[in-house]
PDB file of N, CA and C in Angstrom:
ATOM      1  N   MET A   1       0.835  -1.159   0.000  1.00  0.00           N
ATOM      2  CA  MET A   1       0.000   0.000   0.000  1.00  0.00           C
ATOM      3  C   MET A   1       0.891   1.236   0.000  1.00  0.00           C
ATOM      4  N   THR A   2       0.533   2.129  -0.849  1.00  0.00           N
ATOM      5  CA  THR A   2       1.339   3.347  -0.927  1.00  0.00           C
ATOM      6  C   THR A   2       0.834   4.351   0.087  1.00  0.00           C
ATOM      7  N   LEU A   3       1.632   5.343   0.309  1.00  0.00           N
ATOM      8  CA  LEU A   3       1.296   6.367   1.288  1.00  0.00           C
ATOM      9  C   LEU A   3       0.065   7.157   0.866  1.00  0.00           C
ATOM     10  N   SER A   4      -0.070   7.442  -0.422  1.00  0.00           N
ATOM     11  CA  SER A   4      -1.217   8.222  -0.878  1.00  0.00           C
ATOM     12  C   SER A   4      -2.513   7.416  -0.747  1.00  0.00           C
ATOM     13  N   LEU A   5      -2.455   6.095  -0.965  1.00  0.00           N
ATOM     14  CA  LEU A   5      -3.648   5.260  -0.813  1.00  0.00           C
ATOM     15  C   LEU A   5      -4.064   5.185   0.652  1.00  0.00           C
ATOM     16  N   ALA A   6      -3.100   5.058   1.548  1.00  0.00           N
ATOM     17  CA  ALA A   6      -3.399   5.016   2.980  1.00  0.00           C
ATOM     18  C   ALA A   6      -3.967   6.350   3.433  1.00  0.00           C
ATOM     19  N   CYS A   7      -3.442   7.432   2.913  1.00  0.00           N
ATOM     20  CA  CYS A   7      -3.941   8.753   3.269  1.00  0.00           C
ATOM     21  C   CYS A   7      -5.378   8.930   2.791  1.00  0.00           C
ATOM     22  N   LYS A   8      -5.668   8.431   1.587  1.00  0.00           N
ATOM     23  CA  LYS A   8      -7.035   8.524   1.048  1.00  0.00           C
ATOM     24  C   LYS A   8      -8.013   7.690   1.887  1.00  0.00           C
ATOM     25  N   MET A   9      -7.578   6.518   2.356  1.00  0.00           N
ATOM     26  CA  MET A   9      -8.454   5.660   3.150  1.00  0.00           C
ATOM     27  C   MET A   9      -8.747   6.298   4.506  1.00  0.00           C
ATOM     28  N   VAL A  10      -7.746   6.878   5.132  1.00  0.00           N
ATOM     29  CA  VAL A  10      -7.937   7.532   6.415  1.00  0.00           C
ATOM     30  C   VAL A  10      -8.849   8.738   6.243  1.00  0.00           C
ATOM     31  N   THR A  11      -8.633   9.506   5.181  1.00  0.00           N
ATOM     32  CA  THR A  11      -9.472  10.666   4.911  1.00  0.00           C
ATOM     33  C   THR A  11     -10.909  10.238   4.630  1.00  0.00           C
ATOM     34  N   GLY A  12     -11.079   9.174   3.855  1.00  0.00           N
ATOM     35  CA  GLY A  12     -12.422   8.665   3.562  1.00  0.00           C
ATOM     36  C   GLY A  12     -13.130   8.171   4.809  1.00  0.00           C
ATOM     37  N   GLY A  13     -12.402   7.478   5.677  1.00  0.00           N
ATOM     38  CA  GLY A  13     -12.989   7.003   6.932  1.00  0.00           C
ATOM     39  C   GLY A  13     -13.386   8.154   7.834  1.00  0.00           C
ATOM     40  N   ALA A  14     -12.541   9.173   7.902  1.00  0.00           N
ATOM     41  CA  ALA A  14     -12.873  10.341   8.720  1.00  0.00           C
ATOM     42  C   ALA A  14     -14.082  11.058   8.149  1.00  0.00           C
ATOM     43  N   LEU A  15     -14.185  11.111   6.819  1.00  0.00           N
ATOM     44  CA  LEU A  15     -15.333  11.760   6.180  1.00  0.00           C
ATOM     45  C   LEU A  15     -16.624  11.011   6.496  1.00  0.00           C
ATOM     46  N   VAL A  16     -16.568   9.690   6.538  1.00  0.00           N
ATOM     47  CA  VAL A  16     -17.753   8.892   6.883  1.00  0.00           C
ATOM     48  C   VAL A  16     -18.195   9.212   8.309  1.00  0.00           C
ATOM     49  N   TYR A  17     -17.252   9.302   9.248  1.00  0.00           N
ATOM     50  CA  TYR A  17     -17.601   9.625  10.635  1.00  0.00           C
ATOM     51  C   TYR A  17     -18.160  11.039  10.773  1.00  0.00           C
ATOM     52  N   VAL A  18     -17.603  11.975  10.020  1.00  0.00           N
ATOM     53  CA  VAL A  18     -18.092  13.349  10.082  1.00  0.00           C
ATOM     54  C   VAL A  18     -19.512  13.429   9.527  1.00  0.00           C
ATOM     55  N   LEU A  19     -19.771  12.754   8.421  1.00  0.00           N
ATOM     56  CA  LEU A  19     -21.112  12.777   7.832  1.00  0.00           C
ATOM     57  C   LEU A  19     -22.119  12.027   8.696  1.00  0.00           C
ATOM     58  N   ALA A  20     -21.678  11.000   9.417  1.00  0.00           N
ATOM     59  CA  ALA A  20     -22.589  10.269  10.305  1.00  0.00           C
ATOM     60  C   ALA A  20     -23.038  11.153  11.453  1.00  0.00           C
ATOM     61  N   GLY A  21     -22.213  12.108  11.832  1.00  0.00           N
ATOM     62  CA  GLY A  21     -22.588  13.037  12.887  1.00  0.00           C
ATOM     63  C   GLY A  21     -23.636  14.032  12.449  1.00  0.00           C
ATOM     64  N   CYS A  22     -23.844  14.167  11.162  1.00  0.00           N
ATOM     65  CA  CYS A  22     -24.827  15.123  10.641  1.00  0.00           C
ATOM     66  C   CYS A  22     -26.216  14.513  10.453  1.00  0.00           C
ATOM     67  N   VAL A  23     -26.368  13.231  10.720  1.00  0.00           N
ATOM     68  CA  VAL A  23     -27.663  12.573  10.549  1.00  0.00           C
ATOM     69  C   VAL A  23     -28.627  13.100  11.603  1.00  0.00           C
ATOM     70  N   ALA A  24     -29.818  13.456  11.191  1.00  0.00           N
ATOM     71  CA  ALA A  24     -30.815  14.003  12.112  1.00  0.00           C
ATOM     72  C   ALA A  24     -31.490  12.871  12.871  1.00  0.00           C
ATOM     73  N   THR A  25     -31.366  12.874  14.204  1.00  0.00           N
ATOM     74  CA  THR A  25     -32.019  11.863  15.040  1.00  0.00           C
ATOM     75  C   THR A  25     -33.230  12.434  15.758  1.00  0.00           C
ATOM     76  N   THR A  26     -33.487  13.711  15.580  1.00  0.00           N
ATOM     77  CA  THR A  26     -34.577  14.366  16.294  1.00  0.00           C
ATOM     78  C   THR A  26     -35.940  13.751  15.996  1.00  0.00           C
ATOM     79  N   PRO A  27     -36.299  13.446  14.745  1.00  0.00           N
ATOM     80  CA  PRO A  27     -37.627  12.849  14.515  1.00  0.00           C
ATOM     81  C   PRO A  27     -37.818  11.519  15.235  1.00  0.00           C
ATOM     82  N   VAL A  28     -36.753  10.761  15.364  1.00  0.00           N
ATOM     83  CA  VAL A  28     -36.850   9.472  16.050  1.00  0.00           C
ATOM     84  C   VAL A  28     -37.160   9.689  17.528  1.00  0.00           C
ATOM     85  N   TYR A  29     -36.492  10.653  18.154  1.00  0.00           N
ATOM     86  CA  TYR A  29     -36.710  10.916  19.573  1.00  0.00           C
ATOM     87  C   TYR A  29     -38.034  11.636  19.816  1.00  0.00           C
ATOM     88  N   ASP A  30     -38.422  12.521  18.919  1.00  0.00           N
ATOM     89  CA  ASP A  30     -39.658  13.284  19.107  1.00  0.00           C
ATOM     90  C   ASP A  30     -40.906  12.414  19.000  1.00  0.00           C
ATOM     91  N   ALA A  31     -40.817  11.307  18.294  1.00  0.00           N
ATOM     92  CA  ALA A  31     -41.992  10.445  18.109  1.00  0.00           C
ATOM     93  C   ALA A  31     -42.460   9.848  19.439  1.00  0.00           C
ATOM     94  N   ALA A  32     -41.522   9.554  20.342  1.00  0.00           N
ATOM     95  CA  ALA A  32     -41.879   8.923  21.615  1.00  0.00           C
ATOM     96  C   ALA A  32     -41.620   9.844  22.791  1.00  0.00           C
ATOM     97  N   TYR A  33     -41.558  11.152  22.560  1.00  0.00           N
ATOM     98  CA  TYR A  33     -41.249  12.092  23.630  1.00  0.00           C
ATOM     99  C   TYR A  33     -42.351  12.095  24.689  1.00  0.00           C
ATOM    100  N   GLY A  34     -41.987  11.851  25.943  1.00  0.00           N
ATOM    101  CA  GLY A  34     -42.928  11.874  27.044  1.00  0.00           C
ATOM    102  C   GLY A  34     -43.677  10.567  27.266  1.00  0.00           C
ATOM    103  N   GLN A  35     -43.454   9.586  26.416  1.00  0.00           N
ATOM    104  CA  GLN A  35     -44.178   8.319  26.544  1.00  0.00           C
ATOM    105  C   GLN A  35     -43.822   7.596  27.839  1.00  0.00           C
ATOM    106  N   SER A  36     -42.570   7.641  28.249  1.00  0.00           N
ATOM    107  CA  SER A  36     -42.176   6.952  29.479  1.00  0.00           C
ATOM    108  C   SER A  36     -42.841   7.585  30.699  1.00  0.00           C
ATOM    109  N   VAL A  37     -42.969   8.905  30.709  1.00  0.00           N
ATOM    110  CA  VAL A  37     -43.617   9.584  31.838  1.00  0.00           C
ATOM    111  C   VAL A  37     -45.096   9.223  31.883  1.00  0.00           C
ATOM    112  N   ARG A  38     -45.746   9.230  30.738  1.00  0.00           N
ATOM    113  CA  ARG A  38     -47.181   8.880  30.710  1.00  0.00           C
ATOM    114  C   ARG A  38     -47.416   7.440  31.144  1.00  0.00           C
ATOM    115  N   SER A  39     -46.550   6.524  30.729  1.00  0.00           N
ATOM    116  CA  SER A  39     -46.746   5.130  31.126  1.00  0.00           C
ATOM    117  C   SER A  39     -46.483   4.934  32.619  1.00  0.00           C
ATOM    118  N   LEU A  40     -45.489   5.628  33.179  1.00  0.00           N
ATOM    119  CA  LEU A  40     -45.232   5.513  34.617  1.00  0.00           C
ATOM    120  C   LEU A  40     -46.363   6.106  35.444  1.00  0.00           C
ATOM    121  N   GLN A  41     -46.950   7.206  34.993  1.00  0.00           N
ATOM    122  CA  GLN A  41     -48.082   7.777  35.709  1.00  0.00           C
ATOM    123  C   GLN A  41     -49.281   6.840  35.667  1.00  0.00           C
ATOM    124  N   ALA A  42     -49.503   6.197  34.556  1.00  0.00           N
ATOM    125  CA  ALA A  42     -50.615   5.259  34.445  1.00  0.00           C
ATOM    126  C   ALA A  42     -50.401   4.036  35.333  1.00  0.00           C
ATOM    127  N   GLN A  43     -49.150   3.605  35.473  1.00  0.00           N
ATOM    128  CA  GLN A  43     -48.859   2.444  36.316  1.00  0.00           C
ATOM    129  C   GLN A  43     -49.017   2.759  37.799  1.00  0.00           C
ATOM    130  N   GLN A  44     -48.860   4.006  38.201  1.00  0.00           N
ATOM    131  CA  GLN A  44     -48.957   4.365  39.609  1.00  0.00           C
ATOM    132  C   GLN A  44     -50.394   4.523  40.071  1.00  0.00           C
ATOM    133  N   ALA A  45     -51.314   4.760  39.180  1.00  0.00           N
ATOM    134  CA  ALA A  45     -52.712   4.956  39.557  1.00  0.00           C
ATOM    135  C   ALA A  45     -53.437   3.618  39.459  1.00  0.00           C
ATOM    136  N   LEU A  46     -53.688   2.976  40.599  1.00  0.00           N
ATOM    137  CA  LEU A  46     -54.394   1.700  40.584  1.00  0.00           C
ATOM    138  C   LEU A  46     -55.876   1.895  40.285  1.00  0.00           C
ATOM    139  N   ASP A  47     -56.483   2.837  40.944  1.00  0.00           N
ATOM    140  CA  ASP A  47     -57.907   3.106  40.741  1.00  0.00           C
ATOM    141  C   ASP A  47     -58.110   4.613  40.826  1.00  0.00           C
ATOM    142  N   SER A  48     -58.315   5.232  39.695  1.00  0.00           N
ATOM    143  CA  SER A  48     -58.432   6.689  39.690  1.00  0.00           C
ATOM    144  C   SER A  48     -59.744   7.162  40.317  1.00  0.00           C
ATOM    145  N   ASP A  49     -60.736   6.294  40.453  1.00  0.00           N
ATOM    146  CA  ASP A  49     -62.015   6.668  41.068  1.00  0.00           C
ATOM    147  C   ASP A  49     -62.115   6.231  42.524  1.00  0.00           C
ATOM    148  N   ALA A  50     -61.016   5.911  43.161  1.00  0.00           N
ATOM    149  CA  ALA A  50     -61.053   5.395  44.531  1.00  0.00           C
ATOM    150  C   ALA A  50     -61.610   6.425  45.506  1.00  0.00           C
ATOM    151  N   SER A  51     -61.327   7.692  45.297  1.00  0.00           N
ATOM    152  CA  SER A  51     -61.813   8.696  46.242  1.00  0.00           C
ATOM    153  C   SER A  51     -63.329   8.834  46.189  1.00  0.00           C
ATOM    154  N   THR A  52     -63.936   8.671  45.032  1.00  0.00           N
ATOM    155  CA  THR A  52     -65.394   8.776  44.951  1.00  0.00           C
ATOM    156  C   THR A  52     -66.074   7.484  45.385  1.00  0.00           C
ATOM    157  N   LYS A  53     -65.459   6.353  45.128  1.00  0.00           N
ATOM    158  CA  LYS A  53     -66.054   5.070  45.519  1.00  0.00           C
ATOM    159  C   LYS A  53     -66.041   4.883  47.036  1.00  0.00           C
ATOM    160  N   ASN A  54     -65.011   5.373  47.703  1.00  0.00           N
ATOM    161  CA  ASN A  54     -64.836   5.140  49.137  1.00  0.00           C
ATOM    162  C   ASN A  54     -65.150   6.375  49.966  1.00  0.00           C
ATOM    163  N   ARG A  55     -66.009   7.230  49.489  1.00  0.00           N
ATOM    164  CA  ARG A  55     -66.303   8.486  50.170  1.00  0.00           C
ATOM    165  C   ARG A  55     -66.914   8.264  51.552  1.00  0.00           C
ATOM    166  N   ASN A  56     -67.743   7.251  51.731  1.00  0.00           N
ATOM    167  CA  ASN A  56     -68.450   7.032  52.994  1.00  0.00           C
ATOM    168  C   ASN A  56     -67.708   6.089  53.941  1.00  0.00           C
ATOM    169  N   ARG A  57     -66.557   5.589  53.552  1.00  0.00           N
ATOM    170  CA  ARG A  57     -65.808   4.686  54.430  1.00  0.00           C
ATOM    171  C   ARG A  57     -65.068   5.466  55.497  1.00  0.00           C
ATOM    172  N   VAL A  58     -65.024   4.917  56.688  1.00  0.00           N
ATOM    173  CA  VAL A  58     -64.296   5.518  57.800  1.00  0.00           C
ATOM    174  C   VAL A  58     -62.882   4.940  57.793  1.00  0.00           C
ATOM    175  N   PRO A  59     -61.853   5.777  57.803  1.00  0.00           N
ATOM    176  CA  PRO A  59     -60.490   5.250  57.789  1.00  0.00           C
ATOM    177  C   PRO A  59     -60.166   4.535  59.094  1.00  0.00           C
ATOM    178  N   GLU A  60     -59.423   3.446  58.972  1.00  0.00           N
ATOM    179  CA  GLU A  60     -59.008   2.688  60.145  1.00  0.00           C
ATOM    180  C   GLU A  60     -57.642   3.192  60.584  1.00  0.00           C
ATOM    181  N   GLY A  61     -57.398   3.192  61.864  1.00  0.00           N
ATOM    182  CA  GLY A  61     -56.108   3.657  62.362  1.00  0.00           C
ATOM    183  C   GLY A  61     -56.234   4.132  63.784  1.00  0.00           C
ATOM    184  N   MET A  62     -55.551   5.198  64.136  1.00  0.00           N
ATOM    185  CA  MET A  62     -55.561   5.730  65.499  1.00  0.00           C
ATOM    186  C   MET A  62     -56.859   6.463  65.792  1.00  0.00           C
ATOM    187  N   ASP A  63     -57.217   6.439  67.056  1.00  0.00           N
ATOM    188  CA  ASP A  63     -58.354   7.263  67.461  1.00  0.00           C
ATOM    189  C   ASP A  63     -57.880   8.707  67.606  1.00  0.00           C
ATOM    190  N   GLY A  64     -58.784   9.609  67.829  1.00  0.00           N
ATOM    191  CA  GLY A  64     -58.458  11.027  67.865  1.00  0.00           C
ATOM    192  C   GLY A  64     -57.485  11.411  68.953  1.00  0.00           C
ATOM    193  N   ARG A  65     -57.646  10.840  70.151  1.00  0.00           N
ATOM    194  CA  ARG A  65     -56.785  11.186  71.282  1.00  0.00           C
ATOM    195  C   ARG A  65     -55.344  10.739  71.006  1.00  0.00           C
ATOM    196  N   ALA A  66     -55.171   9.525  70.536  1.00  0.00           N
ATOM    197  CA  ALA A  66     -53.819   9.027  70.268  1.00  0.00           C
ATOM    198  C   ALA A  66     -53.158   9.825  69.153  1.00  0.00           C
ATOM    199  N   ALA A  67     -53.911  10.192  68.144  1.00  0.00           N
ATOM    200  CA  ALA A  67     -53.348  10.981  67.049  1.00  0.00           C
ATOM    201  C   ALA A  67     -52.932  12.363  67.538  1.00  0.00           C
ATOM    202  N   ARG A  68     -53.759  12.988  68.386  1.00  0.00           N
ATOM    203  CA  ARG A  68     -53.428  14.309  68.906  1.00  0.00           C
ATOM    204  C   ARG A  68     -52.168  14.257  69.767  1.00  0.00           C
ATOM    205  N   GLU A  69     -52.062  13.260  70.649  1.00  0.00           N
ATOM    206  CA  GLU A  69     -50.889  13.136  71.508  1.00  0.00           C
ATOM    207  C   GLU A  69     -49.627  12.883  70.684  1.00  0.00           C
ATOM    208  N   THR A  70     -49.756  12.078  69.667  1.00  0.00           N
ATOM    209  CA  THR A  70     -48.602  11.811  68.804  1.00  0.00           C
ATOM    210  C   THR A  70     -48.148  13.077  68.105  1.00  0.00           C
ATOM    211  N   LEU A  71     -49.080  13.841  67.605  1.00  0.00           N
ATOM    212  CA  LEU A  71     -48.740  15.080  66.920  1.00  0.00           C
ATOM    213  C   LEU A  71     -48.140  16.100  67.884  1.00  0.00           C
ATOM    214  N   GLU A  72     -48.667  16.195  69.104  1.00  0.00           N
ATOM    215  CA  GLU A  72     -48.100  17.116  70.086  1.00  0.00           C
ATOM    216  C   GLU A  72     -46.695  16.698  70.492  1.00  0.00           C
ATOM    217  N   ARG A  73     -46.457  15.410  70.654  1.00  0.00           N
ATOM    218  CA  ARG A  73     -45.122  14.920  70.986  1.00  0.00           C
ATOM    219  C   ARG A  73     -44.141  15.226  69.860  1.00  0.00           C
ATOM    220  N   TYR A  74     -44.622  15.113  68.637  1.00  0.00           N
ATOM    221  CA  TYR A  74     -43.788  15.431  67.482  1.00  0.00           C
ATOM    222  C   TYR A  74     -43.403  16.912  67.476  1.00  0.00           C
ATOM    223  N   HIS A  75     -44.356  17.785  67.754  1.00  0.00           N
ATOM    224  CA  HIS A  75     -44.076  19.220  67.779  1.00  0.00           C
ATOM    225  C   HIS A  75     -43.147  19.596  68.941  1.00  0.00           C
ATOM    226  N   ARG A  76     -43.314  18.932  70.095  1.00  0.00           N
ATOM    227  CA  ARG A  76     -42.441  19.214  71.237  1.00  0.00           C
ATOM    228  C   ARG A  76     -41.001  18.788  70.969  1.00  0.00           C
ATOM    229  N   SER A  77     -40.806  17.805  70.117  1.00  0.00           N
ATOM    230  CA  SER A  77     -39.452  17.342  69.842  1.00  0.00           C
ATOM    231  C   SER A  77     -38.603  18.407  69.162  1.00  0.00           C
ATOM    232  N   PHE A  78     -39.232  19.396  68.553  1.00  0.00           N
ATOM    233  CA  PHE A  78     -38.477  20.464  67.901  1.00  0.00           C
ATOM    234  C   PHE A  78     -38.235  21.651  68.823  1.00  0.00           C
ATOM    235  N   GLN A  79     -38.870  21.705  69.986  1.00  0.00           N
ATOM    236  CA  GLN A  79     -38.680  22.825  70.899  1.00  0.00           C
ATOM    237  C   GLN A  79     -37.330  22.755  71.593  1.00  0.00           C
ATOM    238  N   GLN A  80     -36.888  21.572  71.966  1.00  0.00           N
ATOM    239  CA  GLN A  80     -35.594  21.410  72.608  1.00  0.00           C
ATOM    240  C   GLN A  80     -34.726  20.545  71.700  1.00  0.00           C
ATOM    241  N   PRO A  81     -33.828  21.172  70.938  1.00  0.00           N
ATOM    242  CA  PRO A  81     -32.999  20.373  70.025  1.00  0.00           C
ATOM    243  C   PRO A  81     -32.066  19.449  70.792  1.00  0.00           C
ATOM    244  N   GLN A  82     -31.721  18.364  70.178  1.00  0.00           N
ATOM    245  CA  GLN A  82     -30.824  17.410  70.808  1.00  0.00           C
ATOM    246  C   GLN A  82     -29.442  18.019  70.936  1.00  0.00           C
ATOM    247  N   ARG A  83     -28.760  17.626  72.002  1.00  0.00           N
ATOM    248  CA  ARG A  83     -27.420  18.153  72.242  1.00  0.00           C
ATOM    249  C   ARG A  83     -26.457  17.558  71.230  1.00  0.00           C
ATOM    250  N   GLN A  84     -25.673  18.429  70.614  1.00  0.00           N
ATOM    251  CA  GLN A  84     -24.702  17.979  69.633  1.00  0.00           C
ATOM    252  C   GLN A  84     -23.413  17.569  70.335  1.00  0.00           C
ATOM    253  N   CYS A  85     -22.841  16.457  69.917  1.00  0.00           N
ATOM    254  CA  CYS A  85     -21.582  16.028  70.513  1.00  0.00           C
ATOM    255  C   CYS A  85     -20.432  16.669  69.750  1.00  0.00           C
ATOM    256  N   ASN A  86     -19.266  16.650  70.350  1.00  0.00           N
ATOM    257  CA  ASN A  86     -18.085  17.243  69.753  1.00  0.00           C
ATOM    258  C   ASN A  86     -17.620  16.357  68.596  1.00  0.00           C
ATOM    259  N   PRO A  87     -17.512  16.887  67.390  1.00  0.00           N
ATOM    260  CA  PRO A  87     -17.116  16.045  66.260  1.00  0.00           C
ATOM    261  C   PRO A  87     -15.641  15.650  66.300  1.00  0.00           C
ATOM    262  N   PHE A  88     -14.838  16.300  67.142  1.00  0.00           N
ATOM    263  CA  PHE A  88     -13.424  15.977  67.202  1.00  0.00           C
ATOM    264  C   PHE A  88     -13.131  14.831  68.154  1.00  0.00           C
ATOM    265  N   VAL A  89     -14.117  14.425  68.939  1.00  0.00           N
ATOM    266  CA  VAL A  89     -13.951  13.310  69.856  1.00  0.00           C
ATOM    267  C   VAL A  89     -14.637  12.112  69.213  1.00  0.00           C
ATOM    268  N   ILE A  90     -13.840  11.272  68.588  1.00  0.00           N
ATOM    269  CA  ILE A  90     -14.391  10.153  67.841  1.00  0.00           C
ATOM    270  C   ILE A  90     -14.128   8.866  68.604  1.00  0.00           C
ATOM    271  N   GLY A  91     -15.185   8.189  69.003  1.00  0.00           N
ATOM    272  CA  GLY A  91     -15.066   6.893  69.637  1.00  0.00           C
ATOM    273  C   GLY A  91     -14.518   6.930  71.055  1.00  0.00           C
ATOM    274  N   ILE A  92     -14.540   8.077  71.720  1.00  0.00           N
ATOM    275  CA  ILE A  92     -14.020   8.165  73.087  1.00  0.00           C
ATOM    276  C   ILE A  92     -15.155   8.639  73.974  1.00  0.00           C
ATOM    277  N   GLY A  93     -15.947   7.742  74.456  1.00  0.00           N
ATOM    278  CA  GLY A  93     -17.047   8.089  75.350  1.00  0.00           C
ATOM    279  C   GLY A  93     -18.065   8.978  74.662  1.00  0.00           C
ATOM    280  N   SER A  94     -18.705   9.840  75.450  1.00  0.00           N
ATOM    281  CA  SER A  94     -19.743  10.704  74.896  1.00  0.00           C
ATOM    282  C   SER A  94     -19.246  12.121  74.684  1.00  0.00           C
ATOM    283  N   GLY A  95     -18.024  12.421  75.045  1.00  0.00           N
ATOM    284  CA  GLY A  95     -17.478  13.761  74.877  1.00  0.00           C
ATOM    285  C   GLY A  95     -17.779  14.683  76.022  1.00  0.00           C
ATOM    286  N   GLU A  96     -18.391  14.176  77.087  1.00  0.00           N
ATOM    287  CA  GLU A  96     -18.739  14.999  78.238  1.00  0.00           C
ATOM    288  C   GLU A  96     -17.713  14.791  79.346  1.00  0.00           C
ATOM    289  N   THR A  97     -17.544  15.803  80.176  1.00  0.00           N
ATOM    290  CA  THR A  97     -16.651  15.663  81.331  1.00  0.00           C
ATOM    291  C   THR A  97     -17.490  15.661  82.585  1.00  0.00           C
ATOM    292  N   ARG A  98     -17.033  14.948  83.590  1.00  0.00           N
ATOM    293  CA  ARG A  98     -17.756  14.888  84.854  1.00  0.00           C
ATOM    294  C   ARG A  98     -17.273  15.983  85.772  1.00  0.00           C
ATOM    295  N   GLY A  99     -18.195  16.620  86.424  1.00  0.00           N
ATOM    296  CA  GLY A  99     -17.825  17.625  87.433  1.00  0.00           C
ATOM    297  C   GLY A  99     -17.731  16.977  88.794  1.00  0.00           C
ATOM    298  N   GLU A 100     -16.526  16.666  89.255  1.00  0.00           N
ATOM    299  CA  GLU A 100     -16.350  15.981  90.532  1.00  0.00           C
ATOM    300  C   GLU A 100     -15.944  16.908  91.614  1.00  0.00           C
TER     301      GLU A 100
END
């Protein structure tokens, strides 16, 4: 193989790659745009009329007093934040000193 033939083959191969980059792929992608989102939304809805069918059903779970106490305990947990330990004391007790 001569040098000019090898040069022509390399140039031809590079030209094929450059022209392949110019192929329009947009119509292929636009045809199914959003289809995956629509199918996932459809799979998540088991019964779209469940709220109207079960309007008169009483939900099972906690009674009112237990739910109120749980919610109040949850709100109180934010009033006194937990004590932060010293990040520089790793694996050595709790980081507190005793006052003797």
